């Protein structure tokens, strides 16, 4: 499988935001459109901080 879990960075820690994400599409003004393997969709005001493909992990940070 090629999905990844999305983690929200909060200070020095990270918490799971969305699991089994299959698609990440950047949109205007620091927004990310996320789709999981079940077709659930979510848009969040955030930027990507790091991606670890070996661990299937994407870290995001909320923007204002």
PDB file of N, CA and C in Angstrom:
ATOM      1  N   UNK A   1       0.841  -1.178   0.000  1.00  0.00           N
ATOM      2  CA  UNK A   1       0.000   0.000   0.000  1.00  0.00           C
ATOM      3  C   UNK A   1       0.887   1.243   0.000  1.00  0.00           C
ATOM      4  N   UNK A   2       0.360   2.293  -0.549  1.00  0.00           N
ATOM      5  CA  UNK A   2       1.131   3.531  -0.685  1.00  0.00           C
ATOM      6  C   UNK A   2       0.534   4.682   0.110  1.00  0.00           C
ATOM      7  N   UNK A   3      -0.353   4.389   1.038  1.00  0.00           N
ATOM      8  CA  UNK A   3      -0.955   5.470   1.804  1.00  0.00           C
ATOM      9  C   UNK A   3      -0.020   5.903   2.931  1.00  0.00           C
ATOM     10  N   UNK A   4      -0.327   7.072   3.493  1.00  0.00           N
ATOM     11  CA  UNK A   4       0.480   7.626   4.577  1.00  0.00           C
ATOM     12  C   UNK A   4      -0.446   8.150   5.667  1.00  0.00           C
ATOM     13  N   UNK A   5       0.087   8.251   6.855  1.00  0.00           N
ATOM     14  CA  UNK A   5      -0.629   8.880   7.959  1.00  0.00           C
ATOM     15  C   UNK A   5      -0.175  10.328   8.053  1.00  0.00           C
ATOM     16  N   UNK A   6      -1.127  11.205   8.328  1.00  0.00           N
ATOM     17  CA  UNK A   6      -0.834  12.629   8.455  1.00  0.00           C
ATOM     18  C   UNK A   6      -0.764  12.967   9.942  1.00  0.00           C
ATOM     19  N   UNK A   7       0.314  13.608  10.346  1.00  0.00           N
ATOM     20  CA  UNK A   7       0.512  14.022  11.732  1.00  0.00           C
ATOM     21  C   UNK A   7       0.531  15.537  11.808  1.00  0.00           C
ATOM     22  N   UNK A   8      -0.120  16.078  12.816  1.00  0.00           N
ATOM     23  CA  UNK A   8      -0.157  17.514  13.046  1.00  0.00           C
ATOM     24  C   UNK A   8       0.916  17.873  14.058  1.00  0.00           C
ATOM     25  N   UNK A   9       1.824  18.759  13.672  1.00  0.00           N
ATOM     26  CA  UNK A   9       2.896  19.207  14.560  1.00  0.00           C
ATOM     27  C   UNK A   9       2.342  20.253  15.517  1.00  0.00           C
ATOM     28  N   UNK A  10       2.540  20.017  16.803  1.00  0.00           N
ATOM     29  CA  UNK A  10       2.132  20.962  17.845  1.00  0.00           C
ATOM     30  C   UNK A  10       3.317  21.167  18.772  1.00  0.00           C
ATOM     31  N   UNK A  11       4.018  22.271  18.566  1.00  0.00           N
ATOM     32  CA  UNK A  11       5.221  22.525  19.357  1.00  0.00           C
ATOM     33  C   UNK A  11       6.276  21.485  19.032  1.00  0.00           C
ATOM     34  N   UNK A  12       6.720  20.749  20.052  1.00  0.00           N
ATOM     35  CA  UNK A  12       7.728  19.709  19.847  1.00  0.00           C
ATOM     36  C   UNK A  12       7.114  18.332  19.663  1.00  0.00           C
ATOM     37  N   UNK A  13       5.796  18.246  19.699  1.00  0.00           N
ATOM     38  CA  UNK A  13       5.147  16.937  19.578  1.00  0.00           C
ATOM     39  C   UNK A  13       4.338  16.840  18.286  1.00  0.00           C
ATOM     40  N   UNK A  14       3.900  15.633  17.990  1.00  0.00           N
ATOM     41  CA  UNK A  14       3.078  15.363  16.809  1.00  0.00           C
ATOM     42  C   UNK A  14       1.910  14.490  17.234  1.00  0.00           C
ATOM     43  N   UNK A  15       0.733  14.748  16.657  1.00  0.00           N
ATOM     44  CA  UNK A  15      -0.418  13.891  16.926  1.00  0.00           C
ATOM     45  C   UNK A  15      -1.063  13.501  15.600  1.00  0.00           C
ATOM     46  N   UNK A  16      -1.620  12.310  15.581  1.00  0.00           N
ATOM     47  CA  UNK A  16      -2.235  11.821  14.346  1.00  0.00           C
ATOM     48  C   UNK A  16      -3.384  12.736  13.951  1.00  0.00           C
ATOM     49  N   UNK A  17      -3.430  13.106  12.683  1.00  0.00           N
ATOM     50  CA  UNK A  17      -4.476  13.987  12.171  1.00  0.00           C
ATOM     51  C   UNK A  17      -5.437  13.215  11.274  1.00  0.00           C
ATOM     52  N   UNK A  18      -4.887  12.399  10.368  1.00  0.00           N
ATOM     53  CA  UNK A  18      -5.712  11.612   9.461  1.00  0.00           C
ATOM     54  C   UNK A  18      -4.910  10.385   9.032  1.00  0.00           C
ATOM     55  N   UNK A  19      -5.546   9.221   9.080  1.00  0.00           N
ATOM     56  CA  UNK A  19      -4.865   7.975   8.739  1.00  0.00           C
ATOM     57  C   UNK A  19      -5.181   7.536   7.312  1.00  0.00           C
ATOM     58  N   UNK A  20      -4.291   6.744   6.762  1.00  0.00           N
ATOM     59  CA  UNK A  20      -4.464   6.093   5.462  1.00  0.00           C
ATOM     60  C   UNK A  20      -4.812   7.071   4.343  1.00  0.00           C
ATOM     61  N   UNK A  21      -4.038   8.132   4.245  1.00  0.00           N
ATOM     62  CA  UNK A  21      -4.255   9.141   3.210  1.00  0.00           C
ATOM     63  C   UNK A  21      -3.600   8.672   1.912  1.00  0.00           C
ATOM     64  N   UNK A  22      -4.375   8.715   0.843  1.00  0.00           N
ATOM     65  CA  UNK A  22      -3.899   8.268  -0.459  1.00  0.00           C
ATOM     66  C   UNK A  22      -3.564   9.436  -1.380  1.00  0.00           C
ATOM     67  N   UNK A  23      -4.109  10.615  -1.082  1.00  0.00           N
ATOM     68  CA  UNK A  23      -3.909  11.765  -1.968  1.00  0.00           C
ATOM     69  C   UNK A  23      -3.762  13.047  -1.156  1.00  0.00           C
ATOM     70  N   UNK A  24      -2.749  13.831  -1.511  1.00  0.00           N
ATOM     71  CA  UNK A  24      -2.542  15.161  -0.926  1.00  0.00           C
ATOM     72  C   UNK A  24      -2.390  16.130  -2.092  1.00  0.00           C
ATOM     73  N   UNK A  25      -3.268  17.125  -2.139  1.00  0.00           N
ATOM     74  CA  UNK A  25      -3.203  18.129  -3.199  1.00  0.00           C
ATOM     75  C   UNK A  25      -3.064  19.504  -2.574  1.00  0.00           C
ATOM     76  N   UNK A  26      -1.961  20.211  -2.862  1.00  0.00           N
ATOM     77  CA  UNK A  26      -1.834  21.574  -2.359  1.00  0.00           C
ATOM     78  C   UNK A  26      -2.799  22.491  -3.092  1.00  0.00           C
ATOM     79  N   UNK A  27      -3.422  23.380  -2.334  1.00  0.00           N
ATOM     80  CA  UNK A  27      -4.321  24.375  -2.909  1.00  0.00           C
ATOM     81  C   UNK A  27      -3.784  25.755  -2.582  1.00  0.00           C
ATOM     82  N   UNK A  28      -4.458  26.782  -3.036  1.00  0.00           N
ATOM     83  CA  UNK A  28      -4.008  28.162  -2.815  1.00  0.00           C
ATOM     84  C   UNK A  28      -3.939  28.500  -1.336  1.00  0.00           C
ATOM     85  N   UNK A  29      -3.044  29.404  -1.016  1.00  0.00           N
ATOM     86  CA  UNK A  29      -2.920  29.976   0.333  1.00  0.00           C
ATOM     87  C   UNK A  29      -2.722  28.928   1.432  1.00  0.00           C
ATOM     88  N   UNK A  30      -1.727  28.067   1.270  1.00  0.00           N
ATOM     89  CA  UNK A  30      -1.353  27.102   2.309  1.00  0.00           C
ATOM     90  C   UNK A  30      -2.509  26.202   2.749  1.00  0.00           C
ATOM     91  N   UNK A  31      -3.248  25.694   1.800  1.00  0.00           N
ATOM     92  CA  UNK A  31      -4.319  24.742   2.092  1.00  0.00           C
ATOM     93  C   UNK A  31      -3.973  23.409   1.457  1.00  0.00           C
ATOM     94  N   UNK A  32      -4.304  22.327   2.156  1.00  0.00           N
ATOM     95  CA  UNK A  32      -4.076  20.987   1.645  1.00  0.00           C
ATOM     96  C   UNK A  32      -5.408  20.256   1.547  1.00  0.00           C
ATOM     97  N   UNK A  33      -5.630  19.604   0.425  1.00  0.00           N
ATOM     98  CA  UNK A  33      -6.814  18.791   0.210  1.00  0.00           C
ATOM     99  C   UNK A  33      -6.373  17.335   0.378  1.00  0.00           C
ATOM    100  N   UNK A  34      -6.968  16.624   1.342  1.00  0.00           N
ATOM    101  CA  UNK A  34      -6.576  15.266   1.680  1.00  0.00           C
ATOM    102  C   UNK A  34      -7.706  14.301   1.373  1.00  0.00           C
ATOM    103  N   UNK A  35      -7.360  13.127   0.835  1.00  0.00           N
ATOM    104  CA  UNK A  35      -8.331  12.076   0.573  1.00  0.00           C
ATOM    105  C   UNK A  35      -7.759  10.770   1.121  1.00  0.00           C
ATOM    106  N   UNK A  36      -8.540  10.076   1.968  1.00  0.00           N
ATOM    107  CA  UNK A  36      -8.055   8.805   2.492  1.00  0.00           C
ATOM    108  C   UNK A  36      -8.485   7.647   1.589  1.00  0.00           C
ATOM    109  N   UNK A  37      -8.081   6.434   1.934  1.00  0.00           N
ATOM    110  CA  UNK A  37      -8.352   5.283   1.072  1.00  0.00           C
ATOM    111  C   UNK A  37      -9.831   4.918   1.012  1.00  0.00           C
ATOM    112  N   UNK A  38     -10.637   5.487   1.906  1.00  0.00           N
ATOM    113  CA  UNK A  38     -12.074   5.231   1.909  1.00  0.00           C
ATOM    114  C   UNK A  38     -12.846   6.320   1.159  1.00  0.00           C
ATOM    115  N   UNK A  39     -12.123   7.294   0.600  1.00  0.00           N
ATOM    116  CA  UNK A  39     -12.753   8.360  -0.165  1.00  0.00           C
ATOM    117  C   UNK A  39     -13.174   9.560   0.665  1.00  0.00           C
ATOM    118  N   UNK A  40     -12.915   9.521   1.972  1.00  0.00           N
ATOM    119  CA  UNK A  40     -13.253  10.679   2.808  1.00  0.00           C
ATOM    120  C   UNK A  40     -12.303  11.822   2.451  1.00  0.00           C
ATOM    121  N   UNK A  41     -12.864  13.021   2.369  1.00  0.00           N
ATOM    122  CA  UNK A  41     -12.098  14.190   1.950  1.00  0.00           C
ATOM    123  C   UNK A  41     -12.054  15.221   3.062  1.00  0.00           C
ATOM    124  N   UNK A  42     -10.944  15.929   3.130  1.00  0.00           N
ATOM    125  CA  UNK A  42     -10.798  16.981   4.124  1.00  0.00           C
ATOM    126  C   UNK A  42      -9.857  18.042   3.577  1.00  0.00           C
ATOM    127  N   UNK A  43     -10.208  19.293   3.810  1.00  0.00           N
ATOM    128  CA  UNK A  43      -9.330  20.411   3.463  1.00  0.00           C
ATOM    129  C   UNK A  43      -8.879  21.064   4.753  1.00  0.00           C
ATOM    130  N   UNK A  44      -7.588  21.346   4.843  1.00  0.00           N
ATOM    131  CA  UNK A  44      -7.033  21.920   6.061  1.00  0.00           C
ATOM    132  C   UNK A  44      -6.087  23.060   5.687  1.00  0.00           C
ATOM    133  N   UNK A  45      -6.094  24.111   6.495  1.00  0.00           N
ATOM    134  CA  UNK A  45      -5.140  25.213   6.323  1.00  0.00           C
ATOM    135  C   UNK A  45      -3.850  24.805   7.003  1.00  0.00           C
ATOM    136  N   UNK A  46      -2.910  24.338   6.207  1.00  0.00           N
ATOM    137  CA  UNK A  46      -1.663  23.819   6.762  1.00  0.00           C
ATOM    138  C   UNK A  46      -0.602  23.782   5.676  1.00  0.00           C
ATOM    139  N   UNK A  47       0.619  23.569   6.110  1.00  0.00           N
ATOM    140  CA  UNK A  47       1.732  23.389   5.188  1.00  0.00           C
ATOM    141  C   UNK A  47       2.448  22.093   5.559  1.00  0.00           C
ATOM    142  N   UNK A  48       3.085  21.486   4.595  1.00  0.00           N
ATOM    143  CA  UNK A  48       3.836  20.260   4.851  1.00  0.00           C
ATOM    144  C   UNK A  48       5.183  20.632   5.449  1.00  0.00           C
ATOM    145  N   UNK A  49       5.507  20.005   6.578  1.00  0.00           N
ATOM    146  CA  UNK A  49       6.776  20.238   7.260  1.00  0.00           C
ATOM    147  C   UNK A  49       7.793  19.183   6.858  1.00  0.00           C
ATOM    148  N   UNK A  50       7.367  17.916   6.782  1.00  0.00           N
ATOM    149  CA  UNK A  50       8.276  16.816   6.450  1.00  0.00           C
ATOM    150  C   UNK A  50       7.490  15.642   5.892  1.00  0.00           C
ATOM    151  N   UNK A  51       8.167  14.869   5.060  1.00  0.00           N
ATOM    152  CA  UNK A  51       7.604  13.648   4.511  1.00  0.00           C
ATOM    153  C   UNK A  51       8.641  12.544   4.682  1.00  0.00           C
ATOM    154  N   UNK A  52       8.232  11.430   5.301  1.00  0.00           N
ATOM    155  CA  UNK A  52       9.096  10.261   5.437  1.00  0.00           C
ATOM    156  C   UNK A  52       8.404   9.111   4.717  1.00  0.00           C
ATOM    157  N   UNK A  53       8.842   8.821   3.505  1.00  0.00           N
ATOM    158  CA  UNK A  53       8.193   7.802   2.687  1.00  0.00           C
ATOM    159  C   UNK A  53       8.408   6.394   3.239  1.00  0.00           C
ATOM    160  N   UNK A  54       9.539   6.141   3.869  1.00  0.00           N
ATOM    161  CA  UNK A  54       9.777   4.816   4.444  1.00  0.00           C
ATOM    162  C   UNK A  54       8.829   4.512   5.596  1.00  0.00           C
ATOM    163  N   UNK A  55       8.478   5.540   6.356  1.00  0.00           N
ATOM    164  CA  UNK A  55       7.567   5.357   7.496  1.00  0.00           C
ATOM    165  C   UNK A  55       6.121   5.687   7.139  1.00  0.00           C
ATOM    166  N   UNK A  56       5.863   6.065   5.875  1.00  0.00           N
ATOM    167  CA  UNK A  56       4.516   6.443   5.425  1.00  0.00           C
ATOM    168  C   UNK A  56       3.947   7.544   6.318  1.00  0.00           C
ATOM    169  N   UNK A  57       4.755   8.573   6.523  1.00  0.00           N
ATOM    170  CA  UNK A  57       4.421   9.625   7.482  1.00  0.00           C
ATOM    171  C   UNK A  57       4.593  10.997   6.843  1.00  0.00           C
ATOM    172  N   UNK A  58       3.556  11.841   6.989  1.00  0.00           N
ATOM    173  CA  UNK A  58       3.612  13.224   6.522  1.00  0.00           C
ATOM    174  C   UNK A  58       3.303  14.103   7.727  1.00  0.00           C
ATOM    175  N   UNK A  59       4.150  15.077   7.985  1.00  0.00           N
ATOM    176  CA  UNK A  59       3.958  15.978   9.114  1.00  0.00           C
ATOM    177  C   UNK A  59       3.515  17.331   8.555  1.00  0.00           C
ATOM    178  N   UNK A  60       2.413  17.837   9.103  1.00  0.00           N
ATOM    179  CA  UNK A  60       1.894  19.142   8.680  1.00  0.00           C
ATOM    180  C   UNK A  60       1.867  20.092   9.869  1.00  0.00           C
ATOM    181  N   UNK A  61       1.798  21.374   9.557  1.00  0.00           N
ATOM    182  CA  UNK A  61       1.698  22.411  10.588  1.00  0.00           C
ATOM    183  C   UNK A  61       0.605  23.363  10.161  1.00  0.00           C
ATOM    184  N   UNK A  62      -0.340  23.629  11.050  1.00  0.00           N
ATOM    185  CA  UNK A  62      -1.453  24.522  10.723  1.00  0.00           C
ATOM    186  C   UNK A  62      -0.948  25.917  10.445  1.00  0.00           C
ATOM    187  N   UNK A  63      -1.624  26.585   9.497  1.00  0.00           N
ATOM    188  CA  UNK A  63      -1.327  27.978   9.180  1.00  0.00           C
ATOM    189  C   UNK A  63      -2.567  28.801   9.505  1.00  0.00           C
ATOM    190  N   UNK A  64      -2.394  30.102   9.592  1.00  0.00           N
ATOM    191  CA  UNK A  64      -3.537  30.955   9.921  1.00  0.00           C
ATOM    192  C   UNK A  64      -4.054  31.646   8.705  1.00  0.00           C
TER     193      UNK A  64
END
